[in-house]
Amino acid sequence: MKKTLFAIILALAASTASAQDYRTSGTSLVSGVTGYISHAESPARVTTSASTARTATAVPAYSYVRLVCSQDTNVHFGDVSINATAADPRLVGNTPEVFNMGPSTYVAFIAGGAGTCDVTVLR
């Protein structure tokens, strides 16, 4: 009886150790995201053009944000005075990207023409 119970406990421990829980393991199906996202706020829409445009308010400190732009767009993160330039990293149009923000971060965009970028805070 003792050997059977011990064998069952060992089998359970082995199967639990090999299982992946993507919500808590630190592994993510989306690049740069760890843990479990339980809530997404309504997106803030920023109208983009050949001139720089930025979010009206800072995103919450140390939050994750999902950015989706209607066309290829350059993006820059920083304080309220930031501007995006063509030298900044490029987001591919209609491709969601997730970023981990720092303290008091605004997001600025610049595109080749008229479009939109949605900034969604993930909680």
PDB file of N, CA and C in Angstrom:
ATOM      1  N   MET A   1       0.818  -1.184   0.000  1.00  0.00           N
ATOM      2  CA  MET A   1       0.000   0.000   0.000  1.00  0.00           C
ATOM      3  C   MET A   1       0.868   1.257   0.000  1.00  0.00           C
ATOM      4  N   LYS A   2       1.896   1.285   0.859  1.00  0.00           N
ATOM      5  CA  LYS A   2       2.770   2.443   0.931  1.00  0.00           C
ATOM      6  C   LYS A   2       3.503   2.650  -0.393  1.00  0.00           C
ATOM      7  N   LYS A   3       3.974   1.577  -1.020  1.00  0.00           N
ATOM      8  CA  LYS A   3       4.679   1.691  -2.289  1.00  0.00           C
ATOM      9  C   LYS A   3       3.760   2.220  -3.383  1.00  0.00           C
ATOM     10  N   THR A   4       2.509   1.799  -3.403  1.00  0.00           N
ATOM     11  CA  THR A   4       1.559   2.250  -4.411  1.00  0.00           C
ATOM     12  C   THR A   4       1.273   3.734  -4.244  1.00  0.00           C
ATOM     13  N   LEU A   5       1.035   4.184  -3.019  1.00  0.00           N
ATOM     14  CA  LEU A   5       0.770   5.593  -2.750  1.00  0.00           C
ATOM     15  C   LEU A   5       1.984   6.443  -3.109  1.00  0.00           C
ATOM     16  N   PHE A   6       3.168   5.974  -2.763  1.00  0.00           N
ATOM     17  CA  PHE A   6       4.390   6.694  -3.087  1.00  0.00           C
ATOM     18  C   PHE A   6       4.578   6.790  -4.607  1.00  0.00           C
ATOM     19  N   ALA A   7       4.272   5.746  -5.334  1.00  0.00           N
ATOM     20  CA  ALA A   7       4.390   5.736  -6.793  1.00  0.00           C
ATOM     21  C   ALA A   7       3.415   6.729  -7.413  1.00  0.00           C
ATOM     22  N   ILE A   8       2.209   6.830  -6.862  1.00  0.00           N
ATOM     23  CA  ILE A   8       1.209   7.780  -7.370  1.00  0.00           C
ATOM     24  C   ILE A   8       1.684   9.212  -7.129  1.00  0.00           C
ATOM     25  N   ILE A   9       2.219   9.480  -5.944  1.00  0.00           N
ATOM     26  CA  ILE A   9       2.710  10.832  -5.629  1.00  0.00           C
ATOM     27  C   ILE A   9       3.862  11.204  -6.561  1.00  0.00           C
ATOM     28  N   LEU A  10       4.789  10.286  -6.791  1.00  0.00           N
ATOM     29  CA  LEU A  10       5.897  10.547  -7.705  1.00  0.00           C
ATOM     30  C   LEU A  10       5.402  10.801  -9.129  1.00  0.00           C
ATOM     31  N   ALA A  11       4.420  10.045  -9.577  1.00  0.00           N
ATOM     32  CA  ALA A  11       3.874  10.217 -10.922  1.00  0.00           C
ATOM     33  C   ALA A  11       3.203  11.587 -11.060  1.00  0.00           C
ATOM     34  N   LEU A  12       2.455  12.002 -10.041  1.00  0.00           N
ATOM     35  CA  LEU A  12       1.810  13.321 -10.060  1.00  0.00           C
ATOM     36  C   LEU A  12       2.841  14.437 -10.055  1.00  0.00           C
ATOM     37  N   ALA A  13       3.858  14.301  -9.254  1.00  0.00           N
ATOM     38  CA  ALA A  13       4.895  15.329  -9.196  1.00  0.00           C
ATOM     39  C   ALA A  13       5.619  15.453 -10.539  1.00  0.00           C
ATOM     40  N   ALA A  14       5.891  14.356 -11.177  1.00  0.00           N
ATOM     41  CA  ALA A  14       6.582  14.379 -12.465  1.00  0.00           C
ATOM     42  C   ALA A  14       5.705  15.013 -13.538  1.00  0.00           C
ATOM     43  N   SER A  15       4.417  14.691 -13.550  1.00  0.00           N
ATOM     44  CA  SER A  15       3.541  15.255 -14.584  1.00  0.00           C
ATOM     45  C   SER A  15       3.301  16.740 -14.346  1.00  0.00           C
ATOM     46  N   THR A  16       3.249  17.178 -13.093  1.00  0.00           N
ATOM     47  CA  THR A  16       3.055  18.592 -12.786  1.00  0.00           C
ATOM     48  C   THR A  16       4.291  19.392 -13.163  1.00  0.00           C
ATOM     49  N   ALA A  17       5.470  18.841 -12.929  1.00  0.00           N
ATOM     50  CA  ALA A  17       6.704  19.556 -13.220  1.00  0.00           C
ATOM     51  C   ALA A  17       6.889  19.780 -14.718  1.00  0.00           C
ATOM     52  N   SER A  18       6.362  18.869 -15.540  1.00  0.00           N
ATOM     53  CA  SER A  18       6.555  19.019 -16.970  1.00  0.00           C
ATOM     54  C   SER A  18       5.450  19.843 -17.637  1.00  0.00           C
ATOM     55  N   ALA A  19       4.390  20.140 -16.927  1.00  0.00           N
ATOM     56  CA  ALA A  19       3.282  20.900 -17.512  1.00  0.00           C
ATOM     57  C   ALA A  19       3.647  22.374 -17.602  1.00  0.00           C
ATOM     58  N   GLN A  20       3.191  23.047 -18.659  1.00  0.00           N
ATOM     59  CA  GLN A  20       3.411  24.483 -18.829  1.00  0.00           C
ATOM     60  C   GLN A  20       2.104  25.215 -18.570  1.00  0.00           C
ATOM     61  N   ASP A  21       2.131  26.186 -17.694  1.00  0.00           N
ATOM     62  CA  ASP A  21       0.990  27.067 -17.493  1.00  0.00           C
ATOM     63  C   ASP A  21       1.397  28.419 -18.045  1.00  0.00           C
ATOM     64  N   TYR A  22       0.918  28.761 -19.236  1.00  0.00           N
ATOM     65  CA  TYR A  22       1.342  29.986 -19.899  1.00  0.00           C
ATOM     66  C   TYR A  22       0.875  31.238 -19.178  1.00  0.00           C
ATOM     67  N   ARG A  23      -0.061  31.114 -18.238  1.00  0.00           N
ATOM     68  CA  ARG A  23      -0.511  32.292 -17.506  1.00  0.00           C
ATOM     69  C   ARG A  23       0.487  32.724 -16.454  1.00  0.00           C
ATOM     70  N   THR A  24       1.276  31.813 -15.926  1.00  0.00           N
ATOM     71  CA  THR A  24       2.139  32.165 -14.803  1.00  0.00           C
ATOM     72  C   THR A  24       3.591  31.771 -14.993  1.00  0.00           C
ATOM     73  N   SER A  25       3.926  31.098 -16.065  1.00  0.00           N
ATOM     74  CA  SER A  25       5.268  30.548 -16.199  1.00  0.00           C
ATOM     75  C   SER A  25       6.310  31.563 -16.638  1.00  0.00           C
ATOM     76  N   GLY A  26       5.883  32.750 -17.047  1.00  0.00           N
ATOM     77  CA  GLY A  26       6.825  33.711 -17.588  1.00  0.00           C
ATOM     78  C   GLY A  26       7.008  33.524 -19.087  1.00  0.00           C
ATOM     79  N   THR A  27       6.392  32.495 -19.647  1.00  0.00           N
ATOM     80  CA  THR A  27       6.444  32.257 -21.082  1.00  0.00           C
ATOM     81  C   THR A  27       5.224  32.922 -21.697  1.00  0.00           C
ATOM     82  N   SER A  28       5.378  33.455 -22.875  1.00  0.00           N
ATOM     83  CA  SER A  28       4.260  34.146 -23.493  1.00  0.00           C
ATOM     84  C   SER A  28       4.152  33.797 -24.952  1.00  0.00           C
ATOM     85  N   LEU A  29       2.943  33.784 -25.437  1.00  0.00           N
ATOM     86  CA  LEU A  29       2.720  33.590 -26.858  1.00  0.00           C
ATOM     87  C   LEU A  29       2.928  34.902 -27.602  1.00  0.00           C
ATOM     88  N   VAL A  30       2.969  36.019 -26.895  1.00  0.00           N
ATOM     89  CA  VAL A  30       3.208  37.339 -27.485  1.00  0.00           C
ATOM     90  C   VAL A  30       4.562  37.815 -26.996  1.00  0.00           C
ATOM     91  N   SER A  31       5.416  38.229 -27.880  1.00  0.00           N
ATOM     92  CA  SER A  31       6.766  38.655 -27.522  1.00  0.00           C
ATOM     93  C   SER A  31       6.747  39.773 -26.489  1.00  0.00           C
ATOM     94  N   GLY A  32       7.511  39.640 -25.434  1.00  0.00           N
ATOM     95  CA  GLY A  32       7.658  40.696 -24.446  1.00  0.00           C
ATOM     96  C   GLY A  32       6.647  40.674 -23.322  1.00  0.00           C
ATOM     97  N   VAL A  33       5.677  39.767 -23.336  1.00  0.00           N
ATOM     98  CA  VAL A  33       4.638  39.749 -22.299  1.00  0.00           C
ATOM     99  C   VAL A  33       4.838  38.533 -21.418  1.00  0.00           C
ATOM    100  N   THR A  34       4.826  38.748 -20.111  1.00  0.00           N
ATOM    101  CA  THR A  34       4.877  37.628 -19.176  1.00  0.00           C
ATOM    102  C   THR A  34       3.697  37.732 -18.244  1.00  0.00           C
ATOM    103  N   GLY A  35       3.319  36.627 -17.650  1.00  0.00           N
ATOM    104  CA  GLY A  35       2.198  36.642 -16.720  1.00  0.00           C
ATOM    105  C   GLY A  35       0.863  36.588 -17.435  1.00  0.00           C
ATOM    106  N   TYR A  36      -0.173  36.846 -16.698  1.00  0.00           N
ATOM    107  CA  TYR A  36      -1.541  36.702 -17.190  1.00  0.00           C
ATOM    108  C   TYR A  36      -2.193  38.068 -17.302  1.00  0.00           C
ATOM    109  N   ILE A  37      -2.733  38.376 -18.467  1.00  0.00           N
ATOM    110  CA  ILE A  37      -3.419  39.650 -18.679  1.00  0.00           C
ATOM    111  C   ILE A  37      -4.902  39.411 -18.478  1.00  0.00           C
ATOM    112  N   SER A  38      -5.473  40.064 -17.483  1.00  0.00           N
ATOM    113  CA  SER A  38      -6.865  39.788 -17.133  1.00  0.00           C
ATOM    114  C   SER A  38      -7.847  40.814 -17.666  1.00  0.00           C
ATOM    115  N   HIS A  39      -7.360  41.957 -18.156  1.00  0.00           N
ATOM    116  CA  HIS A  39      -8.278  43.014 -18.559  1.00  0.00           C
ATOM    117  C   HIS A  39      -7.592  43.924 -19.566  1.00  0.00           C
ATOM    118  N   ALA A  40      -8.329  44.353 -20.553  1.00  0.00           N
ATOM    119  CA  ALA A  40      -7.812  45.337 -21.501  1.00  0.00           C
ATOM    120  C   ALA A  40      -8.766  46.524 -21.509  1.00  0.00           C
ATOM    121  N   GLU A  41      -8.218  47.720 -21.350  1.00  0.00           N
ATOM    122  CA  GLU A  41      -9.040  48.924 -21.388  1.00  0.00           C
ATOM    123  C   GLU A  41      -9.418  49.240 -22.821  1.00  0.00           C
ATOM    124  N   SER A  42     -10.393  50.110 -22.991  1.00  0.00           N
ATOM    125  CA  SER A  42     -10.752  50.565 -24.336  1.00  0.00           C
ATOM    126  C   SER A  42      -9.557  51.281 -24.943  1.00  0.00           C
ATOM    127  N   PRO A  43      -9.300  51.049 -26.231  1.00  0.00           N
ATOM    128  CA  PRO A  43      -8.116  51.672 -26.826  1.00  0.00           C
ATOM    129  C   PRO A  43      -8.269  53.173 -26.999  1.00  0.00           C
ATOM    130  N   ALA A  44      -7.151  53.875 -26.868  1.00  0.00           N
ATOM    131  CA  ALA A  44      -7.091  55.299 -27.213  1.00  0.00           C
ATOM    132  C   ALA A  44      -6.649  55.354 -28.662  1.00  0.00           C
ATOM    133  N   ARG A  45      -7.351  56.102 -29.475  1.00  0.00           N
ATOM    134  CA  ARG A  45      -7.012  56.188 -30.898  1.00  0.00           C
ATOM    135  C   ARG A  45      -6.253  57.481 -31.166  1.00  0.00           C
ATOM    136  N   VAL A  46      -5.101  57.340 -31.813  1.00  0.00           N
ATOM    137  CA  VAL A  46      -4.283  58.484 -32.193  1.00  0.00           C
ATOM    138  C   VAL A  46      -4.300  58.560 -33.719  1.00  0.00           C
ATOM    139  N   THR A  47      -4.645  59.725 -34.250  1.00  0.00           N
ATOM    140  CA  THR A  47      -4.630  59.932 -35.697  1.00  0.00           C
ATOM    141  C   THR A  47      -3.203  60.241 -36.128  1.00  0.00           C
ATOM    142  N   THR A  48      -2.699  59.486 -37.078  1.00  0.00           N
ATOM    143  CA  THR A  48      -1.320  59.654 -37.522  1.00  0.00           C
ATOM    144  C   THR A  48      -1.256  60.356 -38.871  1.00  0.00           C
ATOM    145  N   SER A  49      -0.116  60.953 -39.138  1.00  0.00           N
ATOM    146  CA  SER A  49       0.129  61.630 -40.413  1.00  0.00           C
ATOM    147  C   SER A  49       1.635  61.760 -40.589  1.00  0.00           C
ATOM    148  N   ALA A  50       2.043  62.607 -41.532  1.00  0.00           N
ATOM    149  CA  ALA A  50       3.466  62.851 -41.745  1.00  0.00           C
ATOM    150  C   ALA A  50       4.060  63.735 -40.652  1.00  0.00           C
ATOM    151  N   SER A  51       3.215  64.255 -39.753  1.00  0.00           N
ATOM    152  CA  SER A  51       3.665  65.017 -38.582  1.00  0.00           C
ATOM    153  C   SER A  51       3.516  64.136 -37.352  1.00  0.00           C
ATOM    154  N   THR A  52       4.337  64.382 -36.343  1.00  0.00           N
ATOM    155  CA  THR A  52       4.268  63.566 -35.134  1.00  0.00           C
ATOM    156  C   THR A  52       2.964  63.792 -34.380  1.00  0.00           C
ATOM    157  N   ALA A  53       2.423  62.731 -33.817  1.00  0.00           N
ATOM    158  CA  ALA A  53       1.219  62.785 -32.978  1.00  0.00           C
ATOM    159  C   ALA A  53       1.479  61.892 -31.779  1.00  0.00           C
ATOM    160  N   ARG A  54       0.911  62.221 -30.618  1.00  0.00           N
ATOM    161  CA  ARG A  54       1.163  61.418 -29.422  1.00  0.00           C
ATOM    162  C   ARG A  54      -0.119  61.234 -28.618  1.00  0.00           C
ATOM    163  N   THR A  55      -0.042  60.300 -27.678  1.00  0.00           N
ATOM    164  CA  THR A  55      -1.180  60.071 -26.791  1.00  0.00           C
ATOM    165  C   THR A  55      -1.450  61.326 -25.976  1.00  0.00           C
ATOM    166  N   ALA A  56      -2.722  61.583 -25.675  1.00  0.00           N
ATOM    167  CA  ALA A  56      -3.097  62.789 -24.932  1.00  0.00           C
ATOM    168  C   ALA A  56      -2.647  62.718 -23.478  1.00  0.00           C
ATOM    169  N   THR A  57      -2.585  61.513 -22.932  1.00  0.00           N
ATOM    170  CA  THR A  57      -2.154  61.326 -21.543  1.00  0.00           C
ATOM    171  C   THR A  57      -1.122  60.200 -21.501  1.00  0.00           C
ATOM    172  N   ALA A  58      -0.379  60.152 -20.420  1.00  0.00           N
ATOM    173  CA  ALA A  58       0.600  59.076 -20.250  1.00  0.00           C
ATOM    174  C   ALA A  58      -0.128  57.772 -19.978  1.00  0.00           C
ATOM    175  N   VAL A  59       0.441  56.673 -20.442  1.00  0.00           N
ATOM    176  CA  VAL A  59      -0.111  55.371 -20.101  1.00  0.00           C
ATOM    177  C   VAL A  59       0.283  55.067 -18.660  1.00  0.00           C
ATOM    178  N   PRO A  60      -0.489  54.245 -17.946  1.00  0.00           N
ATOM    179  CA  PRO A  60      -0.152  53.951 -16.551  1.00  0.00           C
ATOM    180  C   PRO A  60       1.264  53.381 -16.415  1.00  0.00           C
ATOM    181  N   ALA A  61       1.938  53.810 -15.378  1.00  0.00           N
ATOM    182  CA  ALA A  61       3.320  53.383 -15.149  1.00  0.00           C
ATOM    183  C   ALA A  61       3.430  51.862 -15.093  1.00  0.00           C
ATOM    184  N   TYR A  62       4.448  51.351 -15.756  1.00  0.00           N
ATOM    185  CA  TYR A  62       4.819  49.942 -15.747  1.00  0.00           C
ATOM    186  C   TYR A  62       3.712  49.012 -16.236  1.00  0.00           C
ATOM    187  N   SER A  63       2.837  49.511 -17.086  1.00  0.00           N
ATOM    188  CA  SER A  63       1.778  48.671 -17.649  1.00  0.00           C
ATOM    189  C   SER A  63       2.233  48.113 -18.989  1.00  0.00           C
ATOM    190  N   TYR A  64       1.486  47.157 -19.492  1.00  0.00           N
ATOM    191  CA  TYR A  64       1.689  46.649 -20.836  1.00  0.00           C
ATOM    192  C   TYR A  64       0.716  47.358 -21.748  1.00  0.00           C
ATOM    193  N   VAL A  65       1.159  47.710 -22.939  1.00  0.00           N
ATOM    194  CA  VAL A  65       0.270  48.308 -23.932  1.00  0.00           C
ATOM    195  C   VAL A  65       0.394  47.553 -25.243  1.00  0.00           C
ATOM    196  N   ARG A  66      -0.746  47.443 -25.913  1.00  0.00           N
ATOM    197  CA  ARG A  66      -0.776  46.847 -27.245  1.00  0.00           C
ATOM    198  C   ARG A  66      -0.956  47.980 -28.242  1.00  0.00           C
ATOM    199  N   LEU A  67      -0.078  48.057 -29.229  1.00  0.00           N
ATOM    200  CA  LEU A  67      -0.158  49.076 -30.268  1.00  0.00           C
ATOM    201  C   LEU A  67      -0.516  48.401 -31.582  1.00  0.00           C
ATOM    202  N   VAL A  68      -1.507  48.971 -32.263  1.00  0.00           N
ATOM    203  CA  VAL A  68      -1.899  48.497 -33.591  1.00  0.00           C
ATOM    204  C   VAL A  68      -2.129  49.730 -34.446  1.00  0.00           C
ATOM    205  N   CYS A  69      -1.402  49.851 -35.550  1.00  0.00           N
ATOM    206  CA  CYS A  69      -1.543  50.994 -36.455  1.00  0.00           C
ATOM    207  C   CYS A  69      -2.083  50.524 -37.796  1.00  0.00           C
ATOM    208  N   SER A  70      -2.826  51.394 -38.446  1.00  0.00           N
ATOM    209  CA  SER A  70      -3.453  51.037 -39.718  1.00  0.00           C
ATOM    210  C   SER A  70      -2.464  50.973 -40.876  1.00  0.00           C
ATOM    211  N   GLN A  71      -1.270  51.491 -40.692  1.00  0.00           N
ATOM    212  CA  GLN A  71      -0.229  51.450 -41.716  1.00  0.00           C
ATOM    213  C   GLN A  71       1.130  51.411 -41.017  1.00  0.00           C
ATOM    214  N   ASP A  72       2.192  51.183 -41.772  1.00  0.00           N
ATOM    215  CA  ASP A  72       3.538  51.205 -41.183  1.00  0.00           C
ATOM    216  C   ASP A  72       3.767  52.569 -40.538  1.00  0.00           C
ATOM    217  N   THR A  73       4.198  52.553 -39.272  1.00  0.00           N
ATOM    218  CA  THR A  73       4.319  53.777 -38.477  1.00  0.00           C
ATOM    219  C   THR A  73       5.532  53.689 -37.581  1.00  0.00           C
ATOM    220  N   ASN A  74       6.263  54.787 -37.443  1.00  0.00           N
ATOM    221  CA  ASN A  74       7.376  54.849 -36.497  1.00  0.00           C
ATOM    222  C   ASN A  74       6.836  55.234 -35.129  1.00  0.00           C
ATOM    223  N   VAL A  75       7.424  54.655 -34.076  1.00  0.00           N
ATOM    224  CA  VAL A  75       6.928  54.880 -32.716  1.00  0.00           C
ATOM    225  C   VAL A  75       8.090  55.276 -31.804  1.00  0.00           C
ATOM    226  N   HIS A  76       7.775  56.153 -30.833  1.00  0.00           N
ATOM    227  CA  HIS A  76       8.772  56.607 -29.857  1.00  0.00           C
ATOM    228  C   HIS A  76       8.087  56.725 -28.500  1.00  0.00           C
ATOM    229  N   PHE A  77       8.777  56.295 -27.425  1.00  0.00           N
ATOM    230  CA  PHE A  77       8.245  56.370 -26.066  1.00  0.00           C
ATOM    231  C   PHE A  77       9.036  57.393 -25.272  1.00  0.00           C
ATOM    232  N   GLY A  78       8.352  58.165 -24.409  1.00  0.00           N
ATOM    233  CA  GLY A  78       9.068  59.133 -23.586  1.00  0.00           C
ATOM    234  C   GLY A  78       8.129  60.018 -22.797  1.00  0.00           C
ATOM    235  N   ASP A  79       8.622  61.202 -22.407  1.00  0.00           N
ATOM    236  CA  ASP A  79       7.810  62.120 -21.601  1.00  0.00           C
ATOM    237  C   ASP A  79       6.881  62.932 -22.506  1.00  0.00           C
ATOM    238  N   VAL A  80       6.195  63.891 -21.930  1.00  0.00           N
ATOM    239  CA  VAL A  80       5.162  64.649 -22.646  1.00  0.00           C
ATOM    240  C   VAL A  80       5.710  65.419 -23.852  1.00  0.00           C
ATOM    241  N   SER A  81       6.992  65.678 -23.904  1.00  0.00           N
ATOM    242  CA  SER A  81       7.562  66.474 -24.990  1.00  0.00           C
ATOM    243  C   SER A  81       8.102  65.631 -26.156  1.00  0.00           C
ATOM    244  N   ILE A  82       7.865  64.331 -26.147  1.00  0.00           N
ATOM    245  CA  ILE A  82       8.448  63.467 -27.178  1.00  0.00           C
ATOM    246  C   ILE A  82       7.865  63.718 -28.559  1.00  0.00           C
ATOM    247  N   ASN A  83       8.672  63.412 -29.556  1.00  0.00           N
ATOM    248  CA  ASN A  83       8.253  63.430 -30.949  1.00  0.00           C
ATOM    249  C   ASN A  83       8.826  62.193 -31.616  1.00  0.00           C
ATOM    250  N   ALA A  84       8.074  61.602 -32.511  1.00  0.00           N
ATOM    251  CA  ALA A  84       8.567  60.464 -33.280  1.00  0.00           C
ATOM    252  C   ALA A  84       9.216  60.973 -34.565  1.00  0.00           C
ATOM    253  N   THR A  85      10.218  60.243 -35.031  1.00  0.00           N
ATOM    254  CA  THR A  85      10.884  60.575 -36.290  1.00  0.00           C
ATOM    255  C   THR A  85      10.980  59.311 -37.148  1.00  0.00           C
ATOM    256  N   ALA A  86      11.371  59.488 -38.386  1.00  0.00           N
ATOM    257  CA  ALA A  86      11.537  58.354 -39.292  1.00  0.00           C
ATOM    258  C   ALA A  86      12.663  57.428 -38.835  1.00  0.00           C
ATOM    259  N   ALA A  87      13.545  57.887 -37.949  1.00  0.00           N
ATOM    260  CA  ALA A  87      14.649  57.064 -37.444  1.00  0.00           C
ATOM    261  C   ALA A  87      14.219  56.139 -36.302  1.00  0.00           C
ATOM    262  N   ASP A  88      13.005  56.353 -35.751  1.00  0.00           N
ATOM    263  CA  ASP A  88      12.516  55.526 -34.640  1.00  0.00           C
ATOM    264  C   ASP A  88      12.064  54.151 -35.138  1.00  0.00           C
ATOM    265  N   PRO A  89      11.950  53.179 -34.218  1.00  0.00           N
ATOM    266  CA  PRO A  89      11.511  51.833 -34.607  1.00  0.00           C
ATOM    267  C   PRO A  89      10.174  51.872 -35.344  1.00  0.00           C
ATOM    268  N   ARG A  90      10.028  50.963 -36.302  1.00  0.00           N
ATOM    269  CA  ARG A  90       8.843  50.928 -37.152  1.00  0.00           C
ATOM    270  C   ARG A  90       7.915  49.792 -36.738  1.00  0.00           C
ATOM    271  N   LEU A  91       6.630  50.132 -36.604  1.00  0.00           N
ATOM    272  CA  LEU A  91       5.581  49.135 -36.402  1.00  0.00           C
ATOM    273  C   LEU A  91       5.010  48.789 -37.768  1.00  0.00           C
ATOM    274  N   VAL A  92       4.821  47.516 -38.024  1.00  0.00           N
ATOM    275  CA  VAL A  92       4.230  47.080 -39.284  1.00  0.00           C
ATOM    276  C   VAL A  92       2.721  47.276 -39.204  1.00  0.00           C
ATOM    277  N   GLY A  93       2.138  47.820 -40.246  1.00  0.00           N
ATOM    278  CA  GLY A  93       0.707  48.099 -40.264  1.00  0.00           C
ATOM    279  C   GLY A  93      -0.144  46.869 -39.985  1.00  0.00           C
ATOM    280  N   ASN A  94      -1.203  47.055 -39.215  1.00  0.00           N
ATOM    281  CA  ASN A  94      -2.188  46.014 -38.872  1.00  0.00           C
ATOM    282  C   ASN A  94      -1.567  44.802 -38.182  1.00  0.00           C
ATOM    283  N   THR A  95      -0.459  45.002 -37.480  1.00  0.00           N
ATOM    284  CA  THR A  95       0.205  43.933 -36.735  1.00  0.00           C
ATOM    285  C   THR A  95       0.327  44.358 -35.275  1.00  0.00           C
ATOM    286  N   PRO A  96      -0.425  43.730 -34.367  1.00  0.00           N
ATOM    287  CA  PRO A  96      -0.347  44.119 -32.949  1.00  0.00           C
ATOM    288  C   PRO A  96       1.032  43.850 -32.363  1.00  0.00           C
ATOM    289  N   GLU A  97       1.520  44.802 -31.594  1.00  0.00           N
ATOM    290  CA  GLU A  97       2.780  44.658 -30.858  1.00  0.00           C
ATOM    291  C   GLU A  97       2.503  45.036 -29.407  1.00  0.00           C
ATOM    292  N   VAL A  98       3.117  44.320 -28.469  1.00  0.00           N
ATOM    293  CA  VAL A  98       2.919  44.574 -27.039  1.00  0.00           C
ATOM    294  C   VAL A  98       4.226  45.063 -26.441  1.00  0.00           C
ATOM    295  N   PHE A  99       4.137  46.128 -25.627  1.00  0.00           N
ATOM    296  CA  PHE A  99       5.312  46.737 -24.999  1.00  0.00           C
ATOM    297  C   PHE A  99       5.071  46.901 -23.501  1.00  0.00           C
ATOM    298  N   ASN A 100       6.144  46.814 -22.724  1.00  0.00           N
ATOM    299  CA  ASN A 100       6.102  47.064 -21.286  1.00  0.00           C
ATOM    300  C   ASN A 100       6.581  48.501 -21.073  1.00  0.00           C
ATOM    301  N   MET A 101       5.735  49.343 -20.505  1.00  0.00           N
ATOM    302  CA  MET A 101       6.040  50.761 -20.346  1.00  0.00           C
ATOM    303  C   MET A 101       6.823  51.022 -19.066  1.00  0.00           C
ATOM    304  N   GLY A 102       7.504  52.144 -19.044  1.00  0.00           N
ATOM    305  CA  GLY A 102       8.205  52.619 -17.854  1.00  0.00           C
ATOM    306  C   GLY A 102       7.305  53.599 -17.109  1.00  0.00           C
ATOM    307  N   PRO A 103       7.889  54.441 -16.266  1.00  0.00           N
ATOM    308  CA  PRO A 103       7.081  55.418 -15.534  1.00  0.00           C
ATOM    309  C   PRO A 103       6.657  56.575 -16.445  1.00  0.00           C
ATOM    310  N   SER A 104       5.433  57.034 -16.294  1.00  0.00           N
ATOM    311  CA  SER A 104       4.924  58.223 -16.983  1.00  0.00           C
ATOM    312  C   SER A 104       5.322  58.261 -18.455  1.00  0.00           C
ATOM    313  N   THR A 105       4.857  57.299 -19.212  1.00  0.00           N
ATOM    314  CA  THR A 105       5.253  57.174 -20.604  1.00  0.00           C
ATOM    315  C   THR A 105       4.159  57.630 -21.558  1.00  0.00           C
ATOM    316  N   TYR A 106       4.542  58.481 -22.488  1.00  0.00           N
ATOM    317  CA  TYR A 106       3.682  58.866 -23.604  1.00  0.00           C
ATOM    318  C   TYR A 106       4.155  58.096 -24.826  1.00  0.00           C
ATOM    319  N   VAL A 107       3.278  57.947 -25.809  1.00  0.00           N
ATOM    320  CA  VAL A 107       3.627  57.236 -27.030  1.00  0.00           C
ATOM    321  C   VAL A 107       3.419  58.195 -28.198  1.00  0.00           C
ATOM    322  N   ALA A 108       4.467  58.373 -29.016  1.00  0.00           N
ATOM    323  CA  ALA A 108       4.380  59.259 -30.186  1.00  0.00           C
ATOM    324  C   ALA A 108       4.501  58.430 -31.460  1.00  0.00           C
ATOM    325  N   PHE A 109       3.815  58.882 -32.508  1.00  0.00           N
ATOM    326  CA  PHE A 109       3.793  58.176 -33.785  1.00  0.00           C
ATOM    327  C   PHE A 109       4.060  59.151 -34.918  1.00  0.00           C
ATOM    328  N   ILE A 110       4.633  58.637 -35.999  1.00  0.00           N
ATOM    329  CA  ILE A 110       4.725  59.384 -37.252  1.00  0.00           C
ATOM    330  C   ILE A 110       4.615  58.365 -38.381  1.00  0.00           C
ATOM    331  N   ALA A 111       3.800  58.699 -39.377  1.00  0.00           N
ATOM    332  CA  ALA A 111       3.567  57.782 -40.495  1.00  0.00           C
ATOM    333  C   ALA A 111       3.764  58.531 -41.809  1.00  0.00           C
ATOM    334  N   GLY A 112       3.733  57.805 -42.900  1.00  0.00           N
ATOM    335  CA  GLY A 112       3.894  58.421 -44.200  1.00  0.00           C
ATOM    336  C   GLY A 112       2.659  59.167 -44.677  1.00  0.00           C
ATOM    337  N   GLY A 113       1.519  58.897 -44.060  1.00  0.00           N
ATOM    338  CA  GLY A 113       0.268  59.536 -44.461  1.00  0.00           C
ATOM    339  C   GLY A 113      -0.786  59.367 -43.388  1.00  0.00           C
ATOM    340  N   ALA A 114      -2.013  59.705 -43.721  1.00  0.00           N
ATOM    341  CA  ALA A 114      -3.111  59.653 -42.746  1.00  0.00           C
ATOM    342  C   ALA A 114      -3.416  58.210 -42.349  1.00  0.00           C
ATOM    343  N   GLY A 115      -3.605  58.006 -41.065  1.00  0.00           N
ATOM    344  CA  GLY A 115      -3.940  56.688 -40.536  1.00  0.00           C
ATOM    345  C   GLY A 115      -4.304  56.802 -39.071  1.00  0.00           C
ATOM    346  N   THR A 116      -4.389  55.669 -38.394  1.00  0.00           N
ATOM    347  CA  THR A 116      -4.687  55.660 -36.958  1.00  0.00           C
ATOM    348  C   THR A 116      -3.816  54.621 -36.265  1.00  0.00           C
ATOM    349  N   CYS A 117      -3.577  54.839 -34.974  1.00  0.00           N
ATOM    350  CA  CYS A 117      -2.925  53.862 -34.106  1.00  0.00           C
ATOM    351  C   CYS A 117      -3.788  53.725 -32.857  1.00  0.00           C
ATOM    352  N   ASP A 118      -4.082  52.486 -32.478  1.00  0.00           N
ATOM    353  CA  ASP A 118      -4.818  52.215 -31.243  1.00  0.00           C
ATOM    354  C   ASP A 118      -3.829  51.817 -30.167  1.00  0.00           C
ATOM    355  N   VAL A 119      -3.961  52.467 -29.002  1.00  0.00           N
ATOM    356  CA  VAL A 119      -3.104  52.210 -27.842  1.00  0.00           C
ATOM    357  C   VAL A 119      -4.008  51.603 -26.768  1.00  0.00           C
ATOM    358  N   THR A 120      -3.824  50.316 -26.477  1.00  0.00           N
ATOM    359  CA  THR A 120      -4.672  49.614 -25.517  1.00  0.00           C
ATOM    360  C   THR A 120      -3.843  49.218 -24.308  1.00  0.00           C
ATOM    361  N   VAL A 121      -4.256  49.669 -23.116  1.00  0.00           N
ATOM    362  CA  VAL A 121      -3.584  49.284 -21.873  1.00  0.00           C
ATOM    363  C   VAL A 121      -4.104  47.916 -21.465  1.00  0.00           C
ATOM    364  N   LEU A 122      -3.189  46.982 -21.238  1.00  0.00           N
ATOM    365  CA  LEU A 122      -3.532  45.622 -20.822  1.00  0.00           C
ATOM    366  C   LEU A 122      -3.296  45.505 -19.330  1.00  0.00           C
ATOM    367  N   ARG A 123      -4.255  44.960 -18.621  1.00  0.00           N
ATOM    368  CA  ARG A 123      -4.129  44.828 -17.162  1.00  0.00           C
ATOM    369  C   ARG A 123      -4.163  43.386 -16.759  1.00  0.00           C
TER     370      ARG A 123
END
